[in-house]
Amino acid sequence: MRIGELARRTGTTARALRHYEQAGLLTSERAPNGYRVYDAAAEVRVGNIRYLLDAGLTLEDVGFFAPCLDGDLAAAPPSPEGLRVAEQRLAVLEARIAAQVAARDRLREALRGATAGVAV
């Protein structure tokens, strides 16, 4: 199938598919006219890439799961390396959330101080 059809079937964009290919997560053949052509397994692979990205992993993180991207990733038992990558990403996300909560709290306090005695 061509890139547009794969994009439609997977709910993504042709640009994202080219990005996955550039990252080494997806492969295609070239038709004589230069168009990218993907096999049927690419649909499963892209679905698994999207599943991992939607779970909060980065494209670099997804690379650690490359050997597993052609199967039922959601139902497969996690590998020790996969768990390590996911735990590291979770720690990064939790740190970012904590920093955002702290920034929100500082802003809330600053607004309370700035609006004390001001009729709204």
C-alpha atoms as a PDB file:
ATOM      1  CA  MET A   1       0.000   0.000   0.000  1.00  0.00           C
ATOM      2  CA  ARG A   2       1.122   3.550  -0.563  1.00  0.00           C
ATOM      3  CA  ILE A   3       1.847   6.076   2.147  1.00  0.00           C
ATOM      4  CA  GLY A   4      -1.530   7.838   1.938  1.00  0.00           C
ATOM      5  CA  GLU A   5      -3.440   4.609   2.380  1.00  0.00           C
ATOM      6  CA  LEU A   6      -1.283   3.545   5.324  1.00  0.00           C
ATOM      7  CA  ALA A   7      -1.812   6.964   6.901  1.00  0.00           C
ATOM      8  CA  ARG A   8      -5.599   6.650   6.515  1.00  0.00           C
ATOM      9  CA  ARG A   9      -5.670   3.097   7.873  1.00  0.00           C
ATOM     10  CA  THR A  10      -3.613   3.987  10.936  1.00  0.00           C
ATOM     11  CA  GLY A  11      -5.105   7.398  11.672  1.00  0.00           C
ATOM     12  CA  THR A  12      -1.797   9.174  11.294  1.00  0.00           C
ATOM     13  CA  THR A  13      -0.221  11.411   8.677  1.00  0.00           C
ATOM     14  CA  ALA A  14       2.138  10.738   5.811  1.00  0.00           C
ATOM     15  CA  ARG A  15       4.568  13.128   7.485  1.00  0.00           C
ATOM     16  CA  ALA A  16       4.532  11.031  10.683  1.00  0.00           C
ATOM     17  CA  LEU A  17       5.123   7.862   8.659  1.00  0.00           C
ATOM     18  CA  ARG A  18       8.137   9.431   6.950  1.00  0.00           C
ATOM     19  CA  HIS A  19       9.378  10.488  10.387  1.00  0.00           C
ATOM     20  CA  TYR A  20       9.024   6.901  11.710  1.00  0.00           C
ATOM     21  CA  GLU A  21      10.900   5.683   8.660  1.00  0.00           C
ATOM     22  CA  GLN A  22      13.682   8.227   9.179  1.00  0.00           C
ATOM     23  CA  ALA A  23      13.935   7.047  12.811  1.00  0.00           C
ATOM     24  CA  GLY A  24      14.426   3.469  11.577  1.00  0.00           C
ATOM     25  CA  LEU A  25      11.130   2.184  12.982  1.00  0.00           C
ATOM     26  CA  LEU A  26       9.367   1.626   9.667  1.00  0.00           C
ATOM     27  CA  THR A  27      10.570   0.472   6.264  1.00  0.00           C
ATOM     28  CA  SER A  28       9.193   0.733   2.772  1.00  0.00           C
ATOM     29  CA  GLU A  29      10.129  -0.260  -0.724  1.00  0.00           C
ATOM     30  CA  ARG A  30      10.216   2.176  -3.611  1.00  0.00           C
ATOM     31  CA  ALA A  31       7.961   1.661  -6.597  1.00  0.00           C
ATOM     32  CA  PRO A  32       9.425   2.413 -10.045  1.00  0.00           C
ATOM     33  CA  ASN A  33       7.772   5.841  -9.873  1.00  0.00           C
ATOM     34  CA  GLY A  34       9.543   6.566  -6.549  1.00  0.00           C
ATOM     35  CA  TYR A  35       6.470   6.213  -4.331  1.00  0.00           C
ATOM     36  CA  ARG A  36       6.872   4.504  -0.987  1.00  0.00           C
ATOM     37  CA  VAL A  37       5.154   1.132  -0.820  1.00  0.00           C
ATOM     38  CA  TYR A  38       4.467  -0.594   2.506  1.00  0.00           C
ATOM     39  CA  ASP A  39       3.538  -4.209   3.151  1.00  0.00           C
ATOM     40  CA  ALA A  40       0.456  -5.186   5.157  1.00  0.00           C
ATOM     41  CA  ALA A  41       2.521  -5.692   8.340  1.00  0.00           C
ATOM     42  CA  ALA A  42       3.291  -1.969   8.383  1.00  0.00           C
ATOM     43  CA  GLU A  43      -0.230  -1.290   9.629  1.00  0.00           C
ATOM     44  CA  VAL A  44       0.388  -3.330  12.810  1.00  0.00           C
ATOM     45  CA  ARG A  45       3.817  -1.767  13.254  1.00  0.00           C
ATOM     46  CA  VAL A  46       2.475   1.783  12.987  1.00  0.00           C
ATOM     47  CA  GLY A  47      -0.353   0.925  15.388  1.00  0.00           C
ATOM     48  CA  ASN A  48       2.203  -0.274  17.935  1.00  0.00           C
ATOM     49  CA  ILE A  49       4.361   2.814  17.441  1.00  0.00           C
ATOM     50  CA  ARG A  50       1.289   5.001  18.048  1.00  0.00           C
ATOM     51  CA  TYR A  51       0.351   2.913  21.110  1.00  0.00           C
ATOM     52  CA  LEU A  52       3.773   3.515  22.676  1.00  0.00           C
ATOM     53  CA  LEU A  53       3.831   7.206  21.770  1.00  0.00           C
ATOM     54  CA  ASP A  54       0.325   7.661  23.189  1.00  0.00           C
ATOM     55  CA  ALA A  55       1.534   5.986  26.405  1.00  0.00           C
ATOM     56  CA  GLY A  56       4.051   8.824  26.824  1.00  0.00           C
ATOM     57  CA  LEU A  57       7.193   7.311  25.347  1.00  0.00           C
ATOM     58  CA  THR A  58       9.357   9.260  22.939  1.00  0.00           C
ATOM     59  CA  LEU A  59      10.281   8.094  19.450  1.00  0.00           C
ATOM     60  CA  GLU A  60      13.749   7.308  20.786  1.00  0.00           C
ATOM     61  CA  ASP A  61      12.169   5.197  23.533  1.00  0.00           C
ATOM     62  CA  VAL A  62      10.072   3.354  20.950  1.00  0.00           C
ATOM     63  CA  GLY A  63      13.311   2.275  19.276  1.00  0.00           C
ATOM     64  CA  PHE A  64      13.998  -0.037  22.224  1.00  0.00           C
ATOM     65  CA  PHE A  65      10.784  -1.875  21.359  1.00  0.00           C
ATOM     66  CA  ALA A  66      11.643  -2.287  17.654  1.00  0.00           C
ATOM     67  CA  PRO A  67      11.953  -6.107  17.801  1.00  0.00           C
ATOM     68  CA  CYS A  68       8.411  -6.319  19.215  1.00  0.00           C
ATOM     69  CA  LEU A  69       6.594  -3.846  16.966  1.00  0.00           C
ATOM     70  CA  ASP A  70       5.227  -6.430  14.535  1.00  0.00           C
ATOM     71  CA  GLY A  71       3.209  -8.408  17.100  1.00  0.00           C
ATOM     72  CA  ASP A  72       0.464  -7.803  19.646  1.00  0.00           C
ATOM     73  CA  LEU A  73       2.494  -5.409  21.750  1.00  0.00           C
ATOM     74  CA  ALA A  74      -0.292  -4.557  24.195  1.00  0.00           C
ATOM     75  CA  ALA A  75      -0.837  -8.218  25.117  1.00  0.00           C
ATOM     76  CA  ALA A  76       2.806  -9.322  25.154  1.00  0.00           C
ATOM     77  CA  PRO A  77       4.636  -9.646  28.473  1.00  0.00           C
ATOM     78  CA  PRO A  78       7.044  -6.751  28.955  1.00  0.00           C
ATOM     79  CA  SER A  79      10.757  -7.332  28.631  1.00  0.00           C
ATOM     80  CA  PRO A  80      13.140  -6.159  31.372  1.00  0.00           C
ATOM     81  CA  GLU A  81      14.570  -3.569  28.966  1.00  0.00           C
ATOM     82  CA  GLY A  82      11.076  -2.387  28.015  1.00  0.00           C
ATOM     83  CA  LEU A  83      10.164  -1.990  31.664  1.00  0.00           C
ATOM     84  CA  ARG A  84      13.371  -0.063  32.321  1.00  0.00           C
ATOM     85  CA  VAL A  85      12.677   2.350  29.449  1.00  0.00           C
ATOM     86  CA  ALA A  86       9.061   2.849  30.549  1.00  0.00           C
ATOM     87  CA  GLU A  87      10.064   3.429  34.184  1.00  0.00           C
ATOM     88  CA  GLN A  88      12.673   5.988  33.147  1.00  0.00           C
ATOM     89  CA  ARG A  89      10.148   7.822  30.964  1.00  0.00           C
ATOM     90  CA  LEU A  90       7.614   7.772  33.815  1.00  0.00           C
ATOM     91  CA  ALA A  91      10.191   9.345  36.143  1.00  0.00           C
ATOM     92  CA  VAL A  92      10.825  12.120  33.595  1.00  0.00           C
ATOM     93  CA  LEU A  93       7.092  12.766  33.198  1.00  0.00           C
ATOM     94  CA  GLU A  94       6.544  12.829  36.956  1.00  0.00           C
ATOM     95  CA  ALA A  95       9.384  15.334  37.393  1.00  0.00           C
ATOM     96  CA  ARG A  96       7.904  17.564  34.684  1.00  0.00           C
ATOM     97  CA  ILE A  97       4.460  17.379  36.284  1.00  0.00           C
ATOM     98  CA  ALA A  98       5.901  18.265  39.698  1.00  0.00           C
ATOM     99  CA  ALA A  99       7.708  21.260  38.192  1.00  0.00           C
ATOM    100  CA  GLN A 100       4.504  22.444  36.498  1.00  0.00           C
ATOM    101  CA  VAL A 101       2.487  22.053  39.707  1.00  0.00           C
ATOM    102  CA  ALA A 102       5.110  24.078  41.591  1.00  0.00           C
ATOM    103  CA  ALA A 103       5.030  26.804  38.925  1.00  0.00           C
ATOM    104  CA  ARG A 104       1.233  26.879  39.059  1.00  0.00           C
ATOM    105  CA  ASP A 105       1.280  27.185  42.840  1.00  0.00           C
ATOM    106  CA  ARG A 106       3.812  30.036  42.713  1.00  0.00           C
ATOM    107  CA  LEU A 107       1.697  31.875  40.137  1.00  0.00           C
ATOM    108  CA  ARG A 108      -1.468  31.335  42.179  1.00  0.00           C
ATOM    109  CA  GLU A 109       0.226  32.803  45.266  1.00  0.00           C
ATOM    110  CA  ALA A 110       1.582  35.742  43.288  1.00  0.00           C
ATOM    111  CA  LEU A 111      -1.888  36.479  41.926  1.00  0.00           C
ATOM    112  CA  ARG A 112      -3.412  36.257  45.388  1.00  0.00           C
ATOM    113  CA  GLY A 113      -0.854  38.752  46.658  1.00  0.00           C
ATOM    114  CA  ALA A 114      -1.305  41.065  43.683  1.00  0.00           C
ATOM    115  CA  THR A 115      -5.100  41.050  43.886  1.00  0.00           C
ATOM    116  CA  ALA A 116      -5.430  41.300  47.666  1.00  0.00           C
ATOM    117  CA  GLY A 117      -7.618  44.304  48.338  1.00  0.00           C
ATOM    118  CA  VAL A 118      -8.434  44.800  44.638  1.00  0.00           C
ATOM    119  CA  ALA A 119     -12.146  44.510  43.832  1.00  0.00           C
ATOM    120  CA  VAL A 120     -12.747  42.144  40.963  1.00  0.00           C
END
